[in-house]
Protein backbone atom coordinates (compact mmCIF):
# COMPACT_ATOMS: atom_id res chain seq x y z
CA MET A 1 33.83 -44.84 14.75
CA LEU A 2 33.33 -42.00 12.30
CA THR A 3 35.18 -41.89 9.03
CA THR A 4 37.16 -38.88 7.92
CA GLU A 5 34.53 -38.09 5.29
CA GLN A 6 31.76 -38.07 7.91
CA LYS A 7 33.76 -35.77 10.18
CA LEU A 8 34.57 -33.46 7.27
CA LEU A 9 30.95 -33.19 6.12
CA CYS A 10 29.75 -32.54 9.67
CA ALA A 11 32.42 -29.90 10.19
CA LEU A 12 31.46 -28.30 6.86
CA ALA A 13 27.83 -28.07 7.98
CA HIS A 14 28.79 -26.36 11.24
CA LEU A 15 31.50 -24.18 9.63
CA GLY A 16 29.10 -22.52 7.20
CA VAL A 17 28.68 -19.51 9.45
CA PHE A 18 32.42 -18.77 9.28
CA VAL A 19 32.67 -19.25 5.52
CA GLY A 20 29.78 -16.92 4.79
CA ILE A 21 27.19 -19.50 3.77
CA PRO A 22 25.49 -20.39 7.07
CA ILE A 23 22.31 -21.92 5.65
CA ILE A 24 23.70 -23.26 2.37
CA ALA A 25 26.55 -25.33 3.91
CA PRO A 26 24.26 -27.62 5.96
CA ILE A 27 21.96 -28.06 2.96
CA ILE A 28 24.95 -29.14 0.86
CA ALA A 29 25.95 -31.65 3.56
CA LEU A 30 22.37 -32.96 3.66
CA LEU A 31 22.28 -33.47 -0.10
CA VAL A 32 25.75 -34.97 -0.49
CA SER A 33 25.66 -37.53 2.31
CA SER A 34 23.45 -40.55 2.82
CA ASP A 35 24.80 -41.22 6.33
CA GLY A 36 22.39 -40.76 9.23
CA PHE A 37 24.92 -39.14 11.56
CA VAL A 38 25.93 -36.54 8.97
CA LYS A 39 22.30 -35.80 8.14
CA THR A 40 21.48 -35.33 11.83
CA GLN A 41 24.39 -32.93 12.32
CA ALA A 42 23.51 -31.02 9.14
CA LYS A 43 19.91 -30.66 10.34
CA GLU A 44 21.18 -29.44 13.71
CA ALA A 45 23.40 -26.83 12.04
CA LEU A 46 20.63 -25.76 9.66
CA GLY A 47 18.10 -25.37 12.48
CA PHE A 48 20.54 -23.39 14.59
CA GLN A 49 21.49 -21.03 11.76
CA ILE A 50 17.86 -20.42 10.80
CA MET A 51 17.04 -19.73 14.44
CA MET A 52 19.95 -17.30 14.78
CA ALA A 53 18.93 -15.49 11.58
CA ALA A 54 15.35 -15.12 12.84
CA ALA A 55 16.55 -13.96 16.26
CA GLY A 56 18.85 -11.43 14.59
CA ILE A 57 15.98 -10.00 12.56
CA ILE A 58 13.76 -9.75 15.62
CA SER A 59 16.56 -8.14 17.64
CA GLY A 60 17.20 -5.70 14.83
CA ILE A 61 13.60 -4.59 15.02
CA LEU A 62 13.80 -4.34 18.82
CA ILE A 63 16.76 -1.94 18.61
CA PHE A 64 14.20 0.86 18.55
CA LEU A 65 13.14 -0.22 22.06
CA LEU A 66 16.82 -0.41 23.14
CA ILE A 67 16.44 -4.05 24.20
CA GLY A 68 17.67 -5.21 20.80
CA ILE A 69 21.27 -4.10 21.34
CA PRO A 70 22.11 -6.57 24.15
CA LEU A 71 20.15 -9.26 22.33
CA LEU A 72 22.20 -8.72 19.16
CA ILE A 73 25.40 -8.99 21.19
CA ALA A 74 24.23 -12.26 22.77
CA ILE A 75 23.18 -13.63 19.37
CA GLY A 76 26.54 -12.67 17.86
CA ILE A 77 28.44 -14.44 20.62
CA SER A 78 26.20 -17.52 20.37
CA THR A 79 26.60 -17.65 16.61
CA VAL A 80 30.37 -17.89 17.02
CA VAL A 81 30.76 -20.01 20.16
CA PHE A 82 28.24 -22.83 19.61
CA PRO A 83 29.41 -23.83 16.10
CA ILE A 84 33.00 -24.00 17.38
CA LEU A 85 31.86 -26.31 20.19
CA ALA A 86 29.90 -28.38 17.67
CA ILE A 87 32.95 -28.79 15.42
CA ILE A 88 35.13 -29.86 18.33
CA LYS A 89 32.56 -32.42 19.50
CA VAL A 90 31.91 -33.81 16.01
CA VAL A 91 35.61 -34.24 15.26
CA ASP A 92 35.86 -36.21 18.52
CA GLY A 93 32.99 -38.41 17.31
CA VAL A 94 30.35 -37.10 19.73
CA ASP A 95 26.79 -36.44 18.58
CA TYR A 96 26.38 -32.71 19.33
CA SER A 97 23.03 -31.02 19.83
CA TYR A 98 22.68 -27.24 19.98
CA PRO A 99 20.92 -25.80 23.03
CA ILE A 100 17.26 -24.87 22.42
CA SER A 101 17.24 -25.37 18.64
CA GLY A 102 18.65 -28.89 18.91
CA PHE A 103 15.69 -30.02 20.97
CA ILE A 104 13.28 -28.63 18.38
CA VAL A 105 15.18 -30.11 15.41
CA ARG A 106 15.41 -33.56 16.96
CA LYS A 107 11.66 -33.64 17.65
CA ILE A 108 10.80 -32.80 14.02
């Protein structure tokens, strides 16, 4: 069973994108907590946000080829939907892993 502090720190890590500090919030959660579950969730959030930032930059460059516009829309939707799902799962006490980036983060 997760404590309220664990749930709060995990939610903070995933909420960073909505607060305006998408990469800094998971780093704060990593530094503040010594719990393994919180660290795993913070790493998941950090990996996802870095991946979305990189994908956004690449899509921005691809706008000149007109393929970047739909990619930016998909990235924008993913950046909003997946953190919300992560917060809901973490508050319920479930270990959430982001699609694609979660697999990479868990291997490292």
